Amino acid sequence: MRFRVLALLLLAGGVVAQGTTLAERFLRQEQAAFAHYNKQAWSQAIAAFEQQIAIFPRNPRPYYNIACCYARQGDAERTATWLGLSIANGWRDAEHLGKDPDFDGVRQSQPFRGCLAQLEQARRQDPAPLPRRIPARNVAGAAAVHDILPDSLRAESLLRPQQDLLGEHQYRKQLFQIYDLRMARLARYLAENGDAPDAGEAAEVRVRTAMAYLVQATGDNEGDGELRDVAARYVLRTAEEFLRGYPSSPRLSNVRYWRAHALARLQQAEPAERALRQLLADHGDAAPLARVELCALLADHGSREDLAREYQALMAKWYEEVLRGTIRIQLAKARLLAEGIPAELAKTLRAPAAEGEAPLLYVFVSIHSVESELRLKRLRELARAGRVRPVVICADTRQRASDEEIQQWLETHAPGMPAIVRGAELFVDLWLSRVPTLLLARNGGEVLAFDPTDDELDRHTVPEKKITDTPNR
């Protein structure tokens, strides 16, 4: 029996060790399948996605993509068969399925409606994973916090290479199980050793783990925000427990920042701003993250004057760090609202129209994004009414499509709109990290709104009138 257990452990280790290579094969095969999909060569695409299933059968994506191919051909029965297999293997993204144009031709069919019911039942029986509180008495004790962390971090590092193989739902489910066990063991250690020299460190690790839940929840594609809100409340609760118990800890500023970040994620703008300003006042702006968070908060909820002032204060002290670090992505919205589009880029993007006419609406899209297609569909009505002058910045973010395919996509989804094709470098120059993104701006580069709301569009756009379509260029 002992040999058998060891053999199983070695076998499991071998699977994980090969995970990266297997994941690379899996993703390469997906790219090959999409090359056929983009040419509407449905039979070849289906065969290529089936080969992807042969590499790793437990990821729901290839089943879903085969369903898309059959839906494009109007075959509702086969669509339902493969969509059902995708759901059985962990597909849970009801929002994506609900707006995916691939299924428009079969959406009203009885087999497709049956799949929607199957998905709803699956979501009830196997919902999105959430942080759960394992009773501390149910886990093993530990002599020190460093008896808890190594095993947990090792399990996490072994799981990460399998992310692309497992799919989001199953990966997050297994990752949260690791976090749940870590949180329970830390809770037991603190209950039994609250006055130990490393108790403050254990309490801080709990907050850090709660933040890890929040990072994963931010990537949740189901769109309703429930998972993110649960994780943010978990950060808030563990941070406040730490602040009550360890007010003189050297890690105090970190935990106070995480608390403010959780408040911002929960849309509690005023408490979050107060917490960030107090943190900056107490800790002498020792690190840029608090001011980055403040700038991001002001970009969403503050005045232009406050935003410009805080952004200038950040850049005056932390310019090099911002340019080198990943925090520049977090600052994209604040930077563009505070400073506008850089002058050289504004010249490149300037539209051939006189000042005083409808503002420009730069639409950054990817031809592989369903979100981009849906966003453009809504904007065409706005453009036809003459309220904005859209300019499409089109990038092939997955580098799969030919020039002809990109042009065909633009003619289908952005007819009559001026377009800058293969504009990936503009995403980089403007620090944009996702598609679609909208910038409402004047010709000179002043950004009026970033991903404008309906109210912002009403405030900044001209009264309705008809304009002449401009051909793609």
Protein backbone atom coordinates (compact mmCIF):
# COMPACT_ATOMS: atom_id res chain seq x y z
CA MET A 1 0.00 0.00 0.00
CA ARG A 2 2.80 2.42 0.82
CA PHE A 3 4.45 1.79 -2.57
CA ARG A 4 1.12 2.33 -4.32
CA VAL A 5 0.59 5.72 -2.66
CA LEU A 6 4.14 6.77 -3.59
CA ALA A 7 3.55 5.65 -7.18
CA LEU A 8 0.36 7.70 -7.37
CA LEU A 9 2.13 10.75 -6.03
CA LEU A 10 4.92 10.34 -8.59
CA LEU A 11 2.33 9.95 -11.35
CA ALA A 12 0.54 13.12 -10.26
CA GLY A 13 3.85 14.95 -10.16
CA GLY A 14 4.62 13.79 -13.69
CA VAL A 15 1.32 15.19 -14.99
CA VAL A 16 2.00 18.55 -13.39
CA ALA A 17 5.60 18.60 -14.57
CA GLN A 18 4.37 18.11 -18.12
CA GLY A 19 1.58 20.70 -17.64
CA THR A 20 3.37 23.56 -19.31
CA THR A 21 4.27 21.49 -22.39
CA LEU A 22 0.76 20.07 -22.56
CA ALA A 23 -0.71 23.55 -22.19
CA GLU A 24 1.47 24.83 -25.03
CA ARG A 25 0.29 21.99 -27.29
CA PHE A 26 -3.30 22.68 -26.28
CA LEU A 27 -3.04 26.40 -27.09
CA ARG A 28 -1.16 25.85 -30.35
CA GLN A 29 -3.89 23.48 -31.51
CA GLU A 30 -6.50 26.09 -30.56
CA GLN A 31 -4.71 28.67 -32.72
CA ALA A 32 -4.66 26.22 -35.63
CA ALA A 33 -8.39 25.61 -35.20
CA PHE A 34 -9.18 29.31 -35.16
CA ALA A 35 -7.22 29.81 -38.38
CA HIS A 36 -9.85 27.59 -40.06
CA TYR A 37 -12.68 29.23 -38.08
CA ASN A 38 -11.66 32.71 -39.29
CA LYS A 39 -11.88 31.47 -42.90
CA GLN A 40 -15.33 29.99 -42.17
CA ALA A 41 -13.92 26.57 -43.08
CA TRP A 42 -16.23 24.92 -40.57
CA SER A 43 -15.42 21.25 -41.20
CA GLN A 44 -11.67 21.85 -40.87
CA ALA A 45 -12.21 23.99 -37.77
CA ILE A 46 -14.33 21.28 -36.12
CA ALA A 47 -11.70 18.62 -36.89
CA ALA A 48 -8.98 20.86 -35.42
CA PHE A 49 -10.97 21.54 -32.24
CA GLU A 50 -11.55 17.78 -31.89
CA GLN A 51 -7.76 17.31 -32.00
CA GLN A 52 -7.54 19.89 -29.19
CA ILE A 53 -9.96 17.75 -27.15
CA ALA A 54 -7.71 14.74 -27.77
CA ILE A 55 -4.81 16.66 -26.18
CA PHE A 56 -6.79 17.51 -23.03
CA PRO A 57 -10.49 16.55 -22.82
CA ARG A 58 -11.48 18.32 -19.57
CA ASN A 59 -11.40 21.94 -20.80
CA PRO A 60 -14.85 23.17 -21.97
CA ARG A 61 -13.52 25.64 -24.58
CA PRO A 62 -13.03 23.33 -27.60
CA TYR A 63 -16.49 21.78 -27.09
CA TYR A 64 -17.95 25.29 -26.96
CA ASN A 65 -16.08 26.33 -30.12
CA ILE A 66 -17.32 23.28 -32.00
CA ALA A 67 -20.84 24.27 -30.96
CA CYS A 68 -20.13 27.73 -32.42
CA CYS A 69 -19.11 26.16 -35.75
CA TYR A 70 -22.31 24.12 -35.98
CA ALA A 71 -24.39 27.15 -34.95
CA ARG A 72 -22.85 29.18 -37.77
CA GLN A 73 -24.07 26.46 -40.14
CA GLY A 74 -27.58 26.56 -38.63
CA ASP A 75 -27.41 23.01 -37.26
CA ALA A 76 -29.30 23.42 -33.96
CA GLU A 77 -29.18 19.72 -32.98
CA ARG A 78 -25.39 19.38 -33.24
CA THR A 79 -24.96 22.80 -31.65
CA ALA A 80 -26.90 21.61 -28.61
CA THR A 81 -24.95 18.33 -28.43
CA TRP A 82 -21.57 20.06 -28.28
CA LEU A 83 -22.76 22.91 -26.09
CA GLY A 84 -24.10 20.30 -23.66
CA LEU A 85 -20.66 18.64 -23.60
CA SER A 86 -19.07 22.02 -22.90
CA ILE A 87 -21.41 22.58 -19.94
CA ALA A 88 -20.72 19.06 -18.66
CA ASN A 89 -16.99 19.90 -18.72
CA GLY A 90 -17.36 23.11 -16.73
CA TRP A 91 -18.64 25.91 -19.00
CA ARG A 92 -20.47 28.37 -16.70
CA ASP A 93 -20.27 31.72 -18.51
CA ALA A 94 -23.97 32.37 -19.11
CA GLU A 95 -23.44 36.04 -19.92
CA HIS A 96 -20.98 35.28 -22.74
CA LEU A 97 -23.26 32.60 -24.17
CA GLY A 98 -26.21 34.98 -24.02
CA LYS A 99 -24.56 37.58 -26.26
CA ASP A 100 -22.27 35.45 -28.47
CA PRO A 101 -23.35 36.25 -32.07
CA ASP A 102 -22.21 32.79 -33.21
CA PHE A 103 -25.50 31.43 -31.82
CA ASP A 104 -27.87 34.04 -33.26
CA GLY A 105 -29.02 31.65 -35.99
CA VAL A 106 -30.11 28.94 -33.52
CA ARG A 107 -30.97 30.99 -30.45
CA GLN A 108 -34.72 30.51 -30.78
CA SER A 109 -34.51 26.76 -31.42
CA GLN A 110 -35.78 24.27 -28.85
CA PRO A 111 -32.42 22.40 -28.57
CA PHE A 112 -30.57 25.66 -27.79
CA ARG A 113 -33.16 26.64 -25.19
CA GLY A 114 -32.68 23.24 -23.63
CA CYS A 115 -28.96 24.02 -23.30
CA LEU A 116 -29.76 27.28 -21.52
CA ALA A 117 -31.83 25.33 -19.00
CA GLN A 118 -28.98 22.81 -18.62
CA LEU A 119 -26.53 25.65 -17.98
CA GLU A 120 -28.81 27.25 -15.40
CA GLN A 121 -29.11 23.94 -13.55
CA ALA A 122 -25.32 23.42 -13.70
CA ARG A 123 -24.75 26.89 -12.27
CA ARG A 124 -27.06 26.07 -9.36
CA GLN A 125 -25.45 22.70 -8.67
CA ASP A 126 -21.84 23.78 -9.26
CA PRO A 127 -21.76 27.57 -8.79
CA ALA A 128 -18.78 29.85 -9.20
CA PRO A 129 -16.33 29.06 -6.39
CA LEU A 130 -16.40 31.45 -3.45
CA PRO A 131 -14.19 31.84 -0.39
CA ARG A 132 -15.59 29.52 2.27
CA ARG A 133 -14.78 29.44 5.93
CA ILE A 134 -13.53 25.99 6.89
CA PRO A 135 -13.86 25.54 10.68
CA ALA A 136 -10.43 25.87 12.27
CA ARG A 137 -11.01 22.71 14.32
CA ASN A 138 -11.20 20.69 11.10
CA VAL A 139 -7.58 21.32 10.07
CA ALA A 140 -4.21 20.42 11.53
CA GLY A 141 -2.47 22.79 13.92
CA ALA A 142 1.00 24.23 13.39
CA ALA A 143 3.94 25.27 15.56
CA ALA A 144 4.70 28.40 13.48
CA VAL A 145 3.34 30.26 10.49
CA HIS A 146 6.23 28.93 8.41
CA ASP A 147 4.93 25.41 9.00
CA ILE A 148 1.74 26.43 7.16
CA LEU A 149 2.93 28.41 4.16
CA PRO A 150 5.38 26.13 2.29
CA ASP A 151 2.90 23.32 1.60
CA SER A 152 0.18 25.74 0.55
CA LEU A 153 2.46 27.75 -1.75
CA ARG A 154 3.86 24.55 -3.27
CA ALA A 155 0.35 23.28 -4.08
CA GLU A 156 -0.46 26.65 -5.65
CA SER A 157 2.70 26.64 -7.78
CA LEU A 158 1.96 23.09 -9.01
CA LEU A 159 -1.56 24.09 -10.01
CA ARG A 160 -0.74 27.29 -11.92
CA PRO A 161 0.78 25.60 -15.02
CA GLN A 162 -2.55 23.82 -15.50
CA GLN A 163 -4.63 27.00 -15.73
CA ASP A 164 -4.98 26.94 -19.53
CA LEU A 165 -5.70 23.23 -19.47
CA LEU A 166 -8.40 23.21 -16.80
CA GLY A 167 -10.41 26.23 -17.90
CA GLU A 168 -11.35 29.15 -15.67
CA HIS A 169 -14.08 27.51 -13.59
CA GLN A 170 -12.20 24.32 -12.65
CA TYR A 171 -8.91 26.14 -12.17
CA ARG A 172 -10.43 28.73 -9.84
CA LYS A 173 -12.30 26.02 -7.96
CA GLN A 174 -9.10 24.09 -7.23
CA LEU A 175 -7.16 27.26 -6.43
CA PHE A 176 -9.82 28.44 -3.96
CA GLN A 177 -9.67 25.07 -2.22
CA ILE A 178 -5.96 25.71 -1.59
CA TYR A 179 -6.70 29.21 -0.28
CA ASP A 180 -9.57 27.92 1.90
CA LEU A 181 -7.28 25.41 3.60
CA ARG A 182 -4.56 28.04 4.09
CA MET A 183 -7.04 30.46 5.68
CA ALA A 184 -8.38 27.78 8.03
CA ARG A 185 -4.90 26.75 9.20
CA LEU A 186 -3.91 30.38 9.75
CA ALA A 187 -7.11 30.97 11.73
CA ARG A 188 -6.38 27.96 13.95
CA TYR A 189 -2.80 29.08 14.49
CA LEU A 190 -3.92 32.56 15.55
CA ALA A 191 -6.60 31.13 17.87
CA GLU A 192 -4.02 28.94 19.59
CA ASN A 193 -0.97 31.26 19.40
CA GLY A 194 -2.36 34.80 19.41
CA ASP A 195 0.60 36.12 21.38
CA ALA A 196 3.34 34.34 19.40
CA PRO A 197 6.11 36.50 17.90
CA ASP A 198 4.95 35.69 14.37
CA ALA A 199 1.21 36.13 15.06
CA GLY A 200 1.21 39.51 13.31
CA GLU A 201 2.79 37.89 10.26
CA ALA A 202 0.14 35.15 10.26
CA ALA A 203 -2.62 37.75 10.43
CA GLU A 204 -1.05 39.69 7.54
CA VAL A 205 -0.80 36.50 5.46
CA ARG A 206 -4.53 36.02 5.96
CA VAL A 207 -5.18 39.47 4.47
CA ARG A 208 -2.75 38.72 1.64
CA THR A 209 -4.58 35.47 0.88
CA ALA A 210 -7.92 37.28 0.91
CA MET A 211 -6.37 39.66 -1.65
CA ALA A 212 -5.44 36.62 -3.76
CA TYR A 213 -9.13 35.64 -3.83
CA LEU A 214 -9.91 39.17 -5.03
CA VAL A 215 -7.29 39.06 -7.78
CA GLN A 216 -8.80 35.82 -9.08
CA ALA A 217 -12.36 37.11 -8.72
CA THR A 218 -11.48 40.12 -10.86
CA GLY A 219 -10.88 37.72 -13.74
CA ASP A 220 -14.34 36.18 -13.35
CA ASN A 221 -16.10 36.26 -16.72
CA GLU A 222 -19.64 35.76 -15.52
CA GLY A 223 -20.00 39.50 -15.27
CA ASP A 224 -22.40 39.92 -12.36
CA GLY A 225 -19.69 41.00 -9.92
CA GLU A 226 -20.90 38.71 -7.12
CA LEU A 227 -17.63 36.81 -6.83
CA ARG A 228 -15.61 40.03 -6.80
CA ASP A 229 -17.84 41.58 -4.11
CA VAL A 230 -17.63 38.49 -1.89
CA ALA A 231 -13.83 38.49 -2.18
CA ALA A 232 -13.62 42.26 -1.53
CA ARG A 233 -15.72 41.90 1.63
CA TYR A 234 -13.40 39.08 2.72
CA VAL A 235 -10.41 41.41 2.30
CA LEU A 236 -12.20 44.10 4.25
CA ARG A 237 -13.07 41.77 7.14
CA THR A 238 -9.58 40.23 7.46
CA ALA A 239 -7.91 43.66 7.13
CA GLU A 240 -10.04 45.17 9.89
CA GLU A 241 -9.33 42.17 12.13
CA PHE A 242 -5.61 42.76 11.55
CA LEU A 243 -5.85 46.52 12.23
CA ARG A 244 -7.67 45.90 15.52
CA GLY A 245 -5.22 43.25 16.67
CA TYR A 246 -1.83 44.57 15.42
CA PRO A 247 -1.95 48.40 15.28
CA SER A 248 1.84 48.73 15.66
CA SER A 249 2.84 46.09 13.09
CA PRO A 250 5.55 47.02 10.55
CA ARG A 251 3.11 45.69 7.92
CA LEU A 252 0.44 48.21 8.89
CA SER A 253 0.69 50.35 5.75
CA ASN A 254 0.29 47.31 3.46
CA VAL A 255 -2.89 46.19 5.21
CA ARG A 256 -4.32 49.70 5.29
CA TYR A 257 -3.76 49.93 1.52
CA TRP A 258 -5.48 46.58 0.92
CA ARG A 259 -8.43 47.73 3.04
CA ALA A 260 -8.76 50.91 0.95
CA HIS A 261 -8.48 48.85 -2.25
CA ALA A 262 -11.33 46.59 -1.09
CA LEU A 263 -13.51 49.62 -0.31
CA ALA A 264 -12.87 50.95 -3.82
CA ARG A 265 -13.79 47.57 -5.34
CA LEU A 266 -17.05 47.66 -3.38
CA GLN A 267 -17.82 51.08 -4.93
CA GLN A 268 -17.57 52.78 -1.52
CA ALA A 269 -15.81 55.76 -3.06
CA GLU A 270 -15.87 58.26 -0.19
CA PRO A 271 -14.63 55.84 2.53
CA ALA A 272 -11.98 54.57 0.12
CA GLU A 273 -10.76 58.09 -0.67
CA ARG A 274 -10.63 59.00 3.04
CA ALA A 275 -8.67 55.82 3.80
CA LEU A 276 -6.17 56.48 1.00
CA ARG A 277 -5.62 60.14 1.94
CA GLN A 278 -5.10 59.18 5.59
CA LEU A 279 -2.66 56.45 4.55
CA LEU A 280 -0.66 58.95 2.46
CA ALA A 281 -0.67 61.45 5.32
CA ASP A 282 0.49 58.91 7.92
CA HIS A 283 3.12 57.09 5.88
CA GLY A 284 4.68 59.95 3.95
CA ASP A 285 3.83 58.58 0.52
CA ALA A 286 6.43 55.85 1.09
CA ALA A 287 5.14 53.82 -1.85
CA PRO A 288 3.33 54.75 -5.04
CA LEU A 289 0.49 52.23 -4.83
CA ALA A 290 -1.73 54.28 -2.53
CA ARG A 291 -1.49 57.31 -4.80
CA VAL A 292 -2.03 55.08 -7.86
CA GLU A 293 -5.20 53.79 -6.21
CA LEU A 294 -6.27 57.35 -5.38
CA CYS A 295 -5.77 58.43 -9.00
CA ALA A 296 -7.77 55.46 -10.25
CA LEU A 297 -10.54 56.25 -7.77
CA LEU A 298 -10.66 59.91 -8.76
CA ALA A 299 -10.80 58.95 -12.44
CA ASP A 300 -14.04 57.11 -11.67
CA HIS A 301 -15.58 59.31 -9.01
CA GLY A 302 -13.64 62.57 -8.52
CA SER A 303 -13.28 65.98 -10.12
CA ARG A 304 -10.90 66.74 -12.99
CA GLU A 305 -9.01 69.21 -10.78
CA ASP A 306 -8.41 66.70 -7.98
CA LEU A 307 -7.41 64.03 -10.48
CA ALA A 308 -4.92 66.30 -12.27
CA ARG A 309 -3.37 67.38 -8.96
CA GLU A 310 -2.95 63.84 -7.61
CA TYR A 311 -1.68 62.51 -10.93
CA GLN A 312 0.96 65.26 -11.11
CA ALA A 313 2.00 64.49 -7.52
CA LEU A 314 2.39 60.82 -8.41
CA MET A 315 4.41 61.45 -11.55
CA ALA A 316 6.61 64.10 -9.91
CA LYS A 317 7.95 61.55 -7.43
CA TRP A 318 7.41 58.16 -9.05
CA TYR A 319 7.77 58.79 -12.79
CA GLU A 320 10.45 56.13 -13.40
CA GLU A 321 8.72 53.55 -11.22
CA VAL A 322 5.44 54.10 -13.03
CA LEU A 323 7.08 53.69 -16.45
CA ARG A 324 8.87 50.50 -15.38
CA GLY A 325 6.06 48.89 -13.44
CA THR A 326 2.81 47.17 -14.27
CA ILE A 327 0.98 49.90 -12.36
CA ARG A 328 1.07 51.98 -15.54
CA ILE A 329 -1.81 49.87 -16.86
CA GLN A 330 -3.86 50.78 -13.77
CA LEU A 331 -3.17 54.44 -14.50
CA ALA A 332 -4.30 54.47 -18.14
CA LYS A 333 -7.70 55.98 -17.46
CA ALA A 334 -6.38 58.53 -14.94
CA ARG A 335 -3.54 59.56 -17.22
CA LEU A 336 -5.76 60.11 -20.25
CA LEU A 337 -8.38 62.04 -18.31
CA ALA A 338 -5.74 64.18 -16.56
CA GLU A 339 -3.39 64.85 -19.49
CA GLY A 340 -5.31 63.94 -22.66
CA ILE A 341 -3.93 61.94 -25.57
CA PRO A 342 -0.19 62.71 -26.04
CA ALA A 343 0.32 65.41 -28.68
CA GLU A 344 2.14 63.25 -31.23
CA LEU A 345 -0.51 60.54 -30.99
CA ALA A 346 -3.29 63.12 -31.23
CA LYS A 347 -1.86 64.22 -34.59
CA THR A 348 -1.90 60.60 -35.80
CA LEU A 349 -5.48 60.12 -34.65
CA ARG A 350 -6.84 63.49 -35.77
CA ALA A 351 -9.95 63.13 -37.92
CA PRO A 352 -10.51 65.25 -41.03
CA ALA A 353 -13.23 67.51 -39.64
CA ALA A 354 -13.47 71.08 -38.36
CA GLU A 355 -13.42 71.95 -34.67
CA GLY A 356 -16.83 72.37 -33.11
CA GLU A 357 -18.42 69.40 -34.82
CA ALA A 358 -19.32 66.11 -33.15
CA PRO A 359 -16.57 64.82 -30.84
CA LEU A 360 -14.39 61.90 -31.83
CA LEU A 361 -15.13 58.50 -30.37
CA TYR A 362 -12.03 56.30 -30.60
CA VAL A 363 -13.17 52.67 -30.49
CA PHE A 364 -10.32 50.27 -29.66
CA VAL A 365 -11.38 46.79 -30.74
CA SER A 366 -10.05 43.31 -31.44
CA ILE A 367 -11.44 41.25 -34.28
CA HIS A 368 -11.55 38.22 -31.96
CA SER A 369 -13.67 39.92 -29.32
CA VAL A 370 -17.41 39.31 -29.08
CA GLU A 371 -17.52 42.34 -26.79
CA SER A 372 -16.03 44.44 -29.60
CA GLU A 373 -18.65 43.27 -32.09
CA LEU A 374 -21.50 44.06 -29.72
CA ARG A 375 -20.05 47.44 -28.81
CA LEU A 376 -19.71 48.43 -32.47
CA LYS A 377 -23.30 47.35 -33.14
CA ARG A 378 -24.53 49.86 -30.54
CA LEU A 379 -22.23 52.63 -31.74
CA ARG A 380 -23.39 52.44 -35.36
CA GLU A 381 -26.73 53.97 -34.35
CA LEU A 382 -24.95 56.80 -32.53
CA ALA A 383 -22.74 57.45 -35.54
CA ARG A 384 -25.64 57.43 -38.02
CA ALA A 385 -27.38 60.03 -35.86
CA GLY A 386 -24.32 62.28 -36.19
CA ARG A 387 -23.77 62.59 -32.44
CA VAL A 388 -20.18 61.30 -32.56
CA ARG A 389 -17.52 60.67 -35.20
CA PRO A 390 -16.23 57.14 -34.50
CA VAL A 391 -12.70 56.14 -35.44
CA VAL A 392 -12.04 52.39 -35.14
CA ILE A 393 -8.60 51.32 -33.90
CA CYS A 394 -8.52 47.66 -34.90
CA ALA A 395 -5.92 45.21 -33.61
CA ASP A 396 -5.58 41.49 -34.16
CA THR A 397 -4.51 40.80 -30.58
CA ARG A 398 -4.08 37.05 -31.17
CA GLN A 399 -2.22 37.54 -34.48
CA ARG A 400 -4.35 35.01 -36.32
CA ALA A 401 -5.98 36.96 -39.15
CA SER A 402 -4.87 38.05 -42.60
CA ASP A 403 -5.34 41.59 -43.91
CA GLU A 404 -8.29 40.37 -45.97
CA GLU A 405 -9.98 38.83 -42.92
CA ILE A 406 -9.50 42.02 -40.92
CA GLN A 407 -10.96 44.12 -43.75
CA GLN A 408 -13.91 41.73 -44.05
CA TRP A 409 -14.53 41.96 -40.31
CA LEU A 410 -14.50 45.77 -40.48
CA GLU A 411 -16.92 45.82 -43.41
CA THR A 412 -19.28 43.58 -41.43
CA HIS A 413 -19.07 45.21 -38.00
CA ALA A 414 -17.89 48.79 -38.66
CA PRO A 415 -19.36 49.77 -42.05
CA GLY A 416 -18.73 53.39 -42.99
CA MET A 417 -16.43 54.05 -40.03
CA PRO A 418 -12.86 55.33 -40.57
CA ALA A 419 -10.47 52.66 -39.33
CA ILE A 420 -6.82 52.35 -38.37
CA VAL A 421 -5.95 48.72 -39.04
CA ARG A 422 -3.41 46.75 -36.98
CA GLY A 423 -3.37 49.45 -34.33
CA ALA A 424 -1.82 47.25 -31.63
CA GLU A 425 1.00 49.77 -31.08
CA LEU A 426 -1.61 52.39 -30.14
CA PHE A 427 -2.85 50.11 -27.35
CA VAL A 428 0.70 50.02 -26.00
CA ASP A 429 1.31 53.77 -26.42
CA LEU A 430 -1.88 54.57 -24.51
CA TRP A 431 -1.30 51.85 -21.86
CA LEU A 432 -4.59 50.17 -22.72
CA SER A 433 -4.85 46.57 -21.56
CA ARG A 434 -8.27 45.41 -22.74
CA VAL A 435 -10.71 45.60 -25.60
CA PRO A 436 -13.06 47.15 -26.31
CA THR A 437 -12.14 50.58 -24.91
CA LEU A 438 -13.80 53.86 -25.84
CA LEU A 439 -12.23 57.32 -25.69
CA LEU A 440 -14.49 60.31 -26.30
CA ALA A 441 -12.18 63.17 -27.25
CA ARG A 442 -11.78 66.43 -29.12
CA ASN A 443 -9.59 66.69 -32.19
CA GLY A 444 -6.76 68.25 -30.21
CA GLY A 445 -6.45 65.26 -27.89
CA GLU A 446 -8.47 66.36 -24.84
CA VAL A 447 -10.21 63.27 -23.48
CA LEU A 448 -13.79 64.06 -22.51
CA ALA A 449 -14.66 60.59 -21.20
CA PHE A 450 -13.11 57.13 -20.92
CA ASP A 451 -15.62 54.35 -21.66
CA PRO A 452 -18.39 56.98 -21.50
CA THR A 453 -21.68 56.28 -19.79
CA ASP A 454 -24.98 57.23 -21.45
CA ASP A 455 -25.05 60.40 -19.34
CA GLU A 456 -21.55 61.37 -20.49
CA LEU A 457 -22.50 60.77 -24.11
CA ASP A 458 -25.58 62.96 -23.70
CA ARG A 459 -23.50 65.69 -22.08
CA HIS A 460 -20.66 65.76 -24.62
CA THR A 461 -22.21 64.81 -27.95
CA VAL A 462 -24.06 67.04 -30.40
CA PRO A 463 -27.83 66.95 -31.06
CA GLU A 464 -29.03 64.23 -33.37
CA LYS A 465 -28.50 64.72 -37.10
CA LYS A 466 -27.61 62.58 -40.07
CA ILE A 467 -24.05 62.42 -41.41
CA THR A 468 -22.58 60.85 -44.51
CA ASP A 469 -20.78 57.52 -44.01
CA THR A 470 -17.02 57.60 -44.59
CA PRO A 471 -15.44 54.52 -46.13
CA ASN A 472 -12.86 52.48 -44.21
CA ARG A 473 -9.26 53.39 -44.92
